[in-house]
């Protein structure tokens, strides 16, 4: 079989596959492609409709901040604190830093990204005598509370 024959056979097979996927009964190439285009448009409309229904049936869930991931590890003189949220959170860094201050922790080192997601990795060292008696669980709870408070304030502004 010539290369032209193989190519024609391959195109015919692909058109037959397209017919079966799109439930087309067309016989010529142009009609099959038109049916496939129409089918793709219908699928797009279904996706748009489902997306819209999802947004309207659960307004509370779309306005709430996704669950944050907060980890706290105890170091010799302080804590390694990681906070990760799946979306950008304007103003959250201020709330987190205020929590450091309330806990009596100094930020000794920090890396923060607030572009598409919120990521914070910080080492909080104990102030001179101010942070006595706090443990990793207390720091984690304080960070989670700061995120909840920030989220409530953000929702009230919206």
N, C-alpha and C. Protein backbone atom coordinates (compact mmCIF):
# COMPACT_ATOMS: atom_id res chain seq x y z
N UNK A 1 0.85 -1.17 0.00
CA UNK A 1 0.00 0.00 0.00
C UNK A 1 0.90 1.24 0.00
N UNK A 2 0.54 2.23 -0.79
CA UNK A 2 1.34 3.45 -0.89
C UNK A 2 1.15 4.30 0.38
N UNK A 3 2.06 5.27 0.53
CA UNK A 3 1.96 6.13 1.72
C UNK A 3 0.68 6.96 1.66
N UNK A 4 0.26 7.31 0.47
CA UNK A 4 -0.98 8.08 0.32
C UNK A 4 -2.18 7.21 0.72
N UNK A 5 -2.14 5.96 0.37
CA UNK A 5 -3.21 5.03 0.73
C UNK A 5 -3.27 4.81 2.23
N UNK A 6 -2.09 4.67 2.85
CA UNK A 6 -2.06 4.49 4.31
C UNK A 6 -2.62 5.73 5.01
N UNK A 7 -2.23 6.91 4.50
CA UNK A 7 -2.70 8.15 5.11
C UNK A 7 -4.22 8.27 4.97
N UNK A 8 -4.74 7.92 3.80
CA UNK A 8 -6.19 7.97 3.58
C UNK A 8 -6.91 6.99 4.50
N UNK A 9 -6.33 5.81 4.66
CA UNK A 9 -6.92 4.80 5.54
C UNK A 9 -6.90 5.28 7.00
N UNK A 10 -5.78 5.90 7.40
CA UNK A 10 -5.66 6.41 8.76
C UNK A 10 -6.68 7.51 9.02
N UNK A 11 -6.85 8.43 8.08
CA UNK A 11 -7.84 9.51 8.22
C UNK A 11 -9.23 8.92 8.31
N UNK A 12 -9.51 7.91 7.49
CA UNK A 12 -10.84 7.26 7.51
C UNK A 12 -11.09 6.62 8.88
N UNK A 13 -10.08 5.94 9.44
CA UNK A 13 -10.24 5.32 10.76
C UNK A 13 -10.52 6.38 11.83
N UNK A 14 -9.78 7.48 11.77
CA UNK A 14 -9.97 8.54 12.77
C UNK A 14 -11.34 9.19 12.63
N UNK A 15 -11.82 9.35 11.43
CA UNK A 15 -13.17 9.89 11.23
C UNK A 15 -14.22 8.93 11.78
N UNK A 16 -14.00 7.64 11.60
CA UNK A 16 -14.94 6.65 12.14
C UNK A 16 -14.94 6.69 13.68
N UNK A 17 -13.75 6.86 14.28
CA UNK A 17 -13.67 6.99 15.73
C UNK A 17 -14.41 8.24 16.19
N UNK A 18 -14.23 9.32 15.46
CA UNK A 18 -14.90 10.58 15.79
C UNK A 18 -16.42 10.40 15.70
N UNK A 19 -16.87 9.68 14.68
CA UNK A 19 -18.32 9.40 14.55
C UNK A 19 -18.83 8.63 15.75
N UNK A 20 -18.08 7.62 16.19
CA UNK A 20 -18.57 6.80 17.29
C UNK A 20 -18.55 7.59 18.61
N UNK A 21 -17.56 8.43 18.83
CA UNK A 21 -17.49 9.20 20.06
C UNK A 21 -18.60 10.24 20.11
N UNK A 22 -18.89 10.88 18.99
CA UNK A 22 -19.87 11.97 18.96
C UNK A 22 -21.27 11.49 18.59
N UNK A 23 -21.45 10.19 18.40
CA UNK A 23 -22.74 9.62 17.99
C UNK A 23 -23.24 10.23 16.68
N UNK A 24 -22.33 10.50 15.78
CA UNK A 24 -22.68 11.09 14.49
C UNK A 24 -23.08 9.99 13.51
N UNK A 25 -24.09 10.28 12.68
CA UNK A 25 -24.49 9.35 11.63
C UNK A 25 -24.08 9.88 10.26
N UNK A 26 -23.30 10.94 10.24
CA UNK A 26 -22.86 11.55 8.98
C UNK A 26 -21.93 10.60 8.24
N UNK A 27 -21.90 10.77 6.92
CA UNK A 27 -21.05 9.89 6.10
C UNK A 27 -19.89 10.63 5.45
N UNK A 28 -20.03 11.93 5.20
CA UNK A 28 -18.89 12.62 4.59
C UNK A 28 -18.08 13.36 5.64
N UNK A 29 -16.84 13.65 5.26
CA UNK A 29 -15.87 14.23 6.19
C UNK A 29 -16.36 15.56 6.78
N UNK A 30 -16.88 16.45 5.97
CA UNK A 30 -17.32 17.76 6.44
C UNK A 30 -18.45 17.63 7.45
N UNK A 31 -19.42 16.78 7.18
CA UNK A 31 -20.54 16.61 8.10
C UNK A 31 -20.09 16.00 9.43
N UNK A 32 -19.13 15.09 9.38
CA UNK A 32 -18.60 14.48 10.61
C UNK A 32 -17.95 15.55 11.46
N UNK A 33 -17.16 16.42 10.83
CA UNK A 33 -16.46 17.48 11.56
C UNK A 33 -17.47 18.49 12.12
N UNK A 34 -18.50 18.81 11.35
CA UNK A 34 -19.55 19.72 11.84
C UNK A 34 -20.25 19.11 13.05
N UNK A 35 -20.59 17.82 12.97
CA UNK A 35 -21.23 17.14 14.10
C UNK A 35 -20.31 17.13 15.33
N UNK A 36 -19.02 16.88 15.11
CA UNK A 36 -18.08 16.86 16.22
C UNK A 36 -17.97 18.25 16.86
N UNK A 37 -17.96 19.29 16.04
CA UNK A 37 -17.90 20.65 16.56
C UNK A 37 -19.14 20.97 17.39
N UNK A 38 -20.28 20.57 16.91
CA UNK A 38 -21.53 20.77 17.64
C UNK A 38 -21.50 20.02 18.97
N UNK A 39 -21.00 18.78 18.93
CA UNK A 39 -20.91 17.95 20.13
C UNK A 39 -19.99 18.60 21.17
N UNK A 40 -18.86 19.12 20.72
CA UNK A 40 -17.93 19.79 21.62
C UNK A 40 -18.59 21.03 22.24
N UNK A 41 -19.34 21.76 21.44
CA UNK A 41 -20.08 22.92 21.95
C UNK A 41 -21.08 22.53 23.02
N UNK A 42 -21.79 21.41 22.80
CA UNK A 42 -22.76 20.93 23.79
C UNK A 42 -22.06 20.54 25.10
N UNK A 43 -20.91 19.87 24.97
CA UNK A 43 -20.15 19.50 26.17
C UNK A 43 -19.69 20.74 26.94
N UNK A 44 -19.22 21.74 26.21
CA UNK A 44 -18.79 22.99 26.84
C UNK A 44 -19.95 23.65 27.57
N UNK A 45 -21.13 23.66 26.94
CA UNK A 45 -22.32 24.23 27.60
C UNK A 45 -22.67 23.48 28.88
N UNK A 46 -22.56 22.15 28.83
CA UNK A 46 -22.84 21.35 30.03
C UNK A 46 -21.86 21.67 31.15
N UNK A 47 -20.59 21.79 30.81
CA UNK A 47 -19.57 22.12 31.81
C UNK A 47 -19.86 23.50 32.41
N UNK A 48 -20.17 24.48 31.55
CA UNK A 48 -20.48 25.83 32.04
C UNK A 48 -21.70 25.81 32.97
N UNK A 49 -22.73 25.06 32.58
CA UNK A 49 -23.93 24.98 33.39
C UNK A 49 -23.65 24.34 34.75
N UNK A 50 -22.88 23.25 34.74
CA UNK A 50 -22.53 22.59 35.99
C UNK A 50 -21.67 23.49 36.87
N UNK A 51 -20.75 24.23 36.28
CA UNK A 51 -19.92 25.15 37.05
C UNK A 51 -20.78 26.23 37.70
N UNK A 52 -21.73 26.74 36.93
CA UNK A 52 -22.61 27.79 37.46
C UNK A 52 -23.49 27.23 38.58
N UNK A 53 -24.02 26.02 38.40
CA UNK A 53 -24.84 25.40 39.43
C UNK A 53 -24.03 25.18 40.71
N UNK A 54 -22.80 24.77 40.55
CA UNK A 54 -21.93 24.54 41.71
C UNK A 54 -21.72 25.84 42.46
N UNK A 55 -21.49 26.92 41.73
CA UNK A 55 -21.27 28.22 42.37
C UNK A 55 -22.53 28.71 43.08
N UNK A 56 -23.71 28.50 42.50
CA UNK A 56 -24.94 29.03 43.10
C UNK A 56 -25.49 28.14 44.21
N UNK A 57 -25.20 26.84 44.18
CA UNK A 57 -25.74 25.97 45.22
C UNK A 57 -24.91 25.98 46.48
N UNK A 58 -23.66 26.45 46.41
CA UNK A 58 -22.85 26.46 47.62
C UNK A 58 -22.08 27.77 47.74
N UNK A 59 -22.80 28.86 47.95
CA UNK A 59 -22.10 30.14 48.04
C UNK A 59 -21.17 30.24 49.24
N UNK A 60 -21.51 29.61 50.32
CA UNK A 60 -20.67 29.69 51.51
C UNK A 60 -19.33 29.00 51.27
N UNK A 61 -19.38 27.87 50.57
CA UNK A 61 -18.14 27.14 50.39
C UNK A 61 -17.20 27.85 49.42
N UNK A 62 -17.72 28.62 48.48
CA UNK A 62 -16.84 29.30 47.55
C UNK A 62 -16.24 30.54 48.18
N UNK A 63 -16.89 31.13 49.16
CA UNK A 63 -16.35 32.35 49.76
C UNK A 63 -15.40 32.02 50.91
N UNK A 64 -15.46 30.80 51.41
CA UNK A 64 -14.59 30.45 52.52
C UNK A 64 -13.19 30.13 52.02
N UNK A 65 -12.24 30.38 52.87
CA UNK A 65 -10.86 30.07 52.56
C UNK A 65 -10.67 28.56 52.66
N UNK A 66 -9.93 27.97 51.72
CA UNK A 66 -9.65 26.54 51.83
C UNK A 66 -8.92 26.26 53.14
N UNK A 67 -9.05 25.04 53.63
CA UNK A 67 -8.42 24.69 54.90
C UNK A 67 -6.91 24.90 54.81
N UNK A 68 -6.37 25.62 55.77
CA UNK A 68 -4.93 25.83 55.77
C UNK A 68 -4.20 24.61 56.31
N UNK A 69 -2.95 24.48 55.91
CA UNK A 69 -2.10 23.46 56.49
C UNK A 69 -1.10 24.18 57.37
N UNK A 70 -1.11 23.91 58.66
CA UNK A 70 -0.22 24.56 59.61
C UNK A 70 0.56 23.47 60.33
N UNK A 71 1.88 23.58 60.29
CA UNK A 71 2.72 22.66 61.05
C UNK A 71 3.66 23.48 61.92
N UNK A 72 3.90 22.97 63.11
CA UNK A 72 4.80 23.65 64.04
C UNK A 72 5.72 22.60 64.64
N UNK A 73 7.02 22.85 64.54
CA UNK A 73 8.01 21.96 65.13
C UNK A 73 8.78 22.72 66.21
N UNK A 74 9.08 22.04 67.29
CA UNK A 74 9.84 22.66 68.37
C UNK A 74 11.32 22.61 68.04
N UNK A 75 11.99 23.74 68.19
CA UNK A 75 13.44 23.85 68.01
C UNK A 75 14.07 24.08 69.38
N UNK A 76 15.39 24.19 69.43
CA UNK A 76 16.08 24.42 70.70
C UNK A 76 15.52 25.64 71.43
N UNK A 77 15.45 26.77 70.75
CA UNK A 77 14.95 27.99 71.39
C UNK A 77 13.90 28.64 70.50
N UNK A 78 12.82 27.93 70.27
CA UNK A 78 11.75 28.50 69.46
C UNK A 78 11.02 27.44 68.66
N UNK A 79 10.46 27.86 67.51
CA UNK A 79 9.61 26.98 66.73
C UNK A 79 9.83 27.21 65.24
N UNK A 80 9.69 26.14 64.45
CA UNK A 80 9.65 26.24 63.00
C UNK A 80 8.17 26.16 62.63
N UNK A 81 7.67 27.22 62.00
CA UNK A 81 6.25 27.33 61.71
C UNK A 81 6.05 27.38 60.20
N UNK A 82 5.20 26.48 59.69
CA UNK A 82 4.86 26.45 58.26
C UNK A 82 3.36 26.65 58.13
N UNK A 83 2.97 27.58 57.25
CA UNK A 83 1.56 27.83 56.97
C UNK A 83 1.41 27.79 55.45
N UNK A 84 0.44 27.01 54.97
CA UNK A 84 0.20 26.90 53.54
C UNK A 84 -1.30 26.96 53.28
N UNK A 85 -1.70 27.86 52.39
CA UNK A 85 -3.08 27.93 51.91
C UNK A 85 -3.04 27.85 50.40
N UNK A 86 -4.07 27.26 49.80
CA UNK A 86 -4.07 27.02 48.37
C UNK A 86 -4.41 28.24 47.53
N UNK A 87 -4.58 29.39 48.16
CA UNK A 87 -4.85 30.59 47.37
C UNK A 87 -4.17 31.79 48.01
N UNK A 88 -4.05 32.84 47.23
CA UNK A 88 -3.46 34.08 47.70
C UNK A 88 -4.36 34.66 48.78
N UNK A 89 -3.79 35.16 49.85
CA UNK A 89 -4.57 35.64 50.98
C UNK A 89 -4.06 37.02 51.42
N UNK A 90 -4.50 38.09 50.72
CA UNK A 90 -4.04 39.43 51.07
C UNK A 90 -4.36 39.77 52.53
N UNK A 91 -3.35 40.25 53.25
CA UNK A 91 -3.54 40.65 54.63
C UNK A 91 -3.27 39.57 55.66
N UNK A 92 -3.15 38.33 55.23
CA UNK A 92 -2.95 37.24 56.19
C UNK A 92 -1.59 37.33 56.88
N UNK A 93 -0.59 37.76 56.15
CA UNK A 93 0.74 37.85 56.74
C UNK A 93 0.73 38.77 57.96
N UNK A 94 0.00 39.86 57.89
CA UNK A 94 -0.09 40.79 59.03
C UNK A 94 -0.69 40.07 60.23
N UNK A 95 -1.76 39.31 60.01
CA UNK A 95 -2.41 38.57 61.11
C UNK A 95 -1.45 37.56 61.74
N UNK A 96 -0.69 36.88 60.90
CA UNK A 96 0.25 35.88 61.40
C UNK A 96 1.35 36.56 62.23
N UNK A 97 1.86 37.68 61.74
CA UNK A 97 2.92 38.39 62.47
C UNK A 97 2.41 38.95 63.79
N UNK A 98 1.16 39.40 63.80
CA UNK A 98 0.57 39.87 65.06
C UNK A 98 0.48 38.72 66.07
N UNK A 99 0.19 37.53 65.57
CA UNK A 99 0.11 36.36 66.44
C UNK A 99 1.49 36.03 67.02
N UNK A 100 2.52 36.16 66.19
CA UNK A 100 3.88 35.97 66.71
C UNK A 100 4.11 36.89 67.90
N UNK A 101 3.74 38.16 67.71
CA UNK A 101 3.94 39.16 68.76
C UNK A 101 3.15 38.81 70.01
N UNK A 102 1.89 38.41 69.85
CA UNK A 102 1.04 38.05 70.99
C UNK A 102 1.61 36.86 71.76
N UNK A 103 2.26 35.94 71.03
CA UNK A 103 2.85 34.77 71.67
C UNK A 103 4.20 35.07 72.31
N UNK A 104 4.74 36.26 72.04
CA UNK A 104 6.06 36.60 72.57
C UNK A 104 7.18 35.96 71.78
N UNK A 105 6.95 35.77 70.46
CA UNK A 105 7.97 35.18 69.60
C UNK A 105 8.55 36.25 68.67
N UNK A 106 9.87 36.22 68.51
CA UNK A 106 10.53 37.08 67.54
C UNK A 106 10.68 36.29 66.24
N UNK A 107 10.50 36.94 65.11
CA UNK A 107 10.76 36.28 63.83
C UNK A 107 12.26 36.34 63.60
N UNK A 108 12.90 35.17 63.68
CA UNK A 108 14.34 35.10 63.50
C UNK A 108 14.71 34.94 62.03
N UNK A 109 13.85 34.23 61.31
CA UNK A 109 14.08 33.96 59.90
C UNK A 109 12.73 33.64 59.28
N UNK A 110 12.50 34.12 58.04
CA UNK A 110 11.21 33.82 57.40
C UNK A 110 11.34 33.83 55.89
N UNK A 111 10.54 32.99 55.26
CA UNK A 111 10.36 32.97 53.82
C UNK A 111 8.86 33.00 53.58
N UNK A 112 8.42 33.95 52.75
CA UNK A 112 6.98 34.11 52.51
C UNK A 112 6.74 34.25 51.02
N UNK A 113 5.69 33.61 50.55
CA UNK A 113 5.23 33.77 49.18
C UNK A 113 3.73 34.01 49.23
N UNK A 114 3.29 35.10 48.59
CA UNK A 114 1.87 35.44 48.61
C UNK A 114 1.33 35.61 47.20
N UNK A 115 2.01 35.04 46.20
CA UNK A 115 1.61 35.29 44.83
C UNK A 115 0.33 34.53 44.45
N UNK A 116 0.43 33.24 44.21
CA UNK A 116 -0.76 32.45 43.87
C UNK A 116 -1.29 31.70 45.07
N UNK A 117 -0.39 31.30 45.93
CA UNK A 117 -0.76 30.62 47.17
C UNK A 117 -0.13 31.40 48.31
N UNK A 118 -0.51 31.08 49.52
CA UNK A 118 0.12 31.70 50.68
C UNK A 118 1.01 30.66 51.31
N UNK A 119 2.30 30.93 51.36
CA UNK A 119 3.25 30.02 51.99
C UNK A 119 4.11 30.83 52.95
N UNK A 120 4.21 30.34 54.15
CA UNK A 120 5.07 30.97 55.16
C UNK A 120 5.89 29.88 55.83
N UNK A 121 7.18 30.09 55.88
CA UNK A 121 8.06 29.23 56.67
C UNK A 121 8.85 30.18 57.53
N UNK A 122 8.69 30.09 58.84
CA UNK A 122 9.33 31.04 59.74
C UNK A 122 9.88 30.33 60.96
N UNK A 123 10.95 30.90 61.47
CA UNK A 123 11.50 30.43 62.73
C UNK A 123 11.18 31.52 63.74
N UNK A 124 10.40 31.14 64.72
CA UNK A 124 10.03 32.07 65.78
C UNK A 124 10.83 31.75 67.03
N UNK A 125 11.63 32.71 67.47
CA UNK A 125 12.44 32.51 68.68
C UNK A 125 11.77 33.18 69.86
N UNK A 126 11.94 32.60 71.01
CA UNK A 126 11.32 33.13 72.22
C UNK A 126 11.96 34.45 72.61
N UNK A 127 11.14 35.45 72.93
CA UNK A 127 11.63 36.72 73.48
C UNK A 127 12.26 36.45 74.83
N UNK A 128 13.02 37.38 75.31
CA UNK A 128 13.64 37.25 76.64
C UNK A 128 12.57 37.02 77.70
N UNK A 129 12.28 35.78 78.00
CA UNK A 129 11.36 35.45 79.09
C UNK A 129 9.89 35.60 78.77
N UNK A 130 9.51 36.16 77.62
CA UNK A 130 8.09 36.40 77.33
C UNK A 130 7.36 35.15 76.84
N UNK A 131 8.07 34.21 76.26
CA UNK A 131 7.40 33.07 75.64
C UNK A 131 7.53 31.80 76.49
N UNK A 132 7.82 31.96 77.73
CA UNK A 132 7.97 30.81 78.61
C UNK A 132 6.67 30.00 78.65
N UNK A 133 6.81 28.71 78.64
CA UNK A 133 5.66 27.85 78.84
C UNK A 133 4.78 27.60 77.63
N UNK A 134 5.12 28.09 76.47
CA UNK A 134 4.29 27.77 75.31
C UNK A 134 4.91 26.59 74.57
N UNK A 135 4.05 25.78 73.98
CA UNK A 135 4.54 24.63 73.24
C UNK A 135 4.04 24.69 71.80
N UNK A 136 4.48 23.72 71.00
CA UNK A 136 4.16 23.71 69.57
C UNK A 136 2.64 23.67 69.34
N UNK A 137 1.91 22.93 70.14
CA UNK A 137 0.46 22.84 69.98
C UNK A 137 -0.20 24.20 70.21
N UNK A 138 0.27 24.94 71.19
CA UNK A 138 -0.28 26.27 71.46
C UNK A 138 -0.01 27.22 70.29
N UNK A 139 1.19 27.13 69.73
CA UNK A 139 1.54 27.97 68.59
C UNK A 139 0.65 27.62 67.40
N UNK A 140 0.46 26.33 67.17
CA UNK A 140 -0.38 25.90 66.04
C UNK A 140 -1.81 26.39 66.22
N UNK A 141 -2.37 26.23 67.42
CA UNK A 141 -3.73 26.70 67.67
C UNK A 141 -3.85 28.21 67.48
N UNK A 142 -2.84 28.94 67.92
CA UNK A 142 -2.86 30.40 67.76
C UNK A 142 -2.81 30.79 66.28
N UNK A 143 -2.02 30.06 65.49
CA UNK A 143 -1.94 30.34 64.04
C UNK A 143 -3.27 30.03 63.37
N UNK A 144 -3.88 28.90 63.73
CA UNK A 144 -5.18 28.55 63.15
C UNK A 144 -6.23 29.60 63.53
N UNK A 145 -6.20 30.06 64.76
CA UNK A 145 -7.15 31.08 65.21
C UNK A 145 -6.91 32.38 64.45
N UNK A 146 -5.67 32.74 64.21
CA UNK A 146 -5.36 33.96 63.46
C UNK A 146 -5.90 33.86 62.03
N UNK A 147 -5.80 32.68 61.42
CA UNK A 147 -6.30 32.48 60.06
C UNK A 147 -7.82 32.58 60.04
N UNK A 148 -8.48 31.94 61.04
CA UNK A 148 -9.95 32.02 61.11
C UNK A 148 -10.41 33.45 61.29
N UNK A 149 -9.76 34.18 62.19
CA UNK A 149 -10.11 35.57 62.45
C UNK A 149 -9.91 36.43 61.20
N UNK A 150 -8.79 36.23 60.53
CA UNK A 150 -8.51 36.95 59.28
C UNK A 150 -9.60 36.65 58.25
N UNK A 151 -9.99 35.36 58.13
CA UNK A 151 -11.01 34.96 57.16
C UNK A 151 -12.37 35.59 57.47
N UNK A 152 -12.75 35.62 58.76
CA UNK A 152 -14.00 36.24 59.16
C UNK A 152 -14.00 37.73 58.81
N UNK A 153 -12.90 38.42 59.10
CA UNK A 153 -12.80 39.84 58.79
C UNK A 153 -12.88 40.08 57.28
N UNK A 154 -12.24 39.21 56.51
CA UNK A 154 -12.24 39.32 55.05
C UNK A 154 -13.66 39.13 54.50
N UNK A 155 -14.39 38.16 55.04
CA UNK A 155 -15.75 37.90 54.57
C UNK A 155 -16.68 39.06 54.91
N UNK A 156 -16.48 39.69 56.06
CA UNK A 156 -17.31 40.84 56.44
C UNK A 156 -17.09 42.01 55.49
N UNK A 157 -15.84 42.14 54.98
CA UNK A 157 -15.53 43.23 54.05
C UNK A 157 -16.13 42.99 52.69
N UNK A 158 -16.30 41.71 52.30
CA UNK A 158 -16.85 41.37 50.97
C UNK A 158 -18.29 41.68 50.84
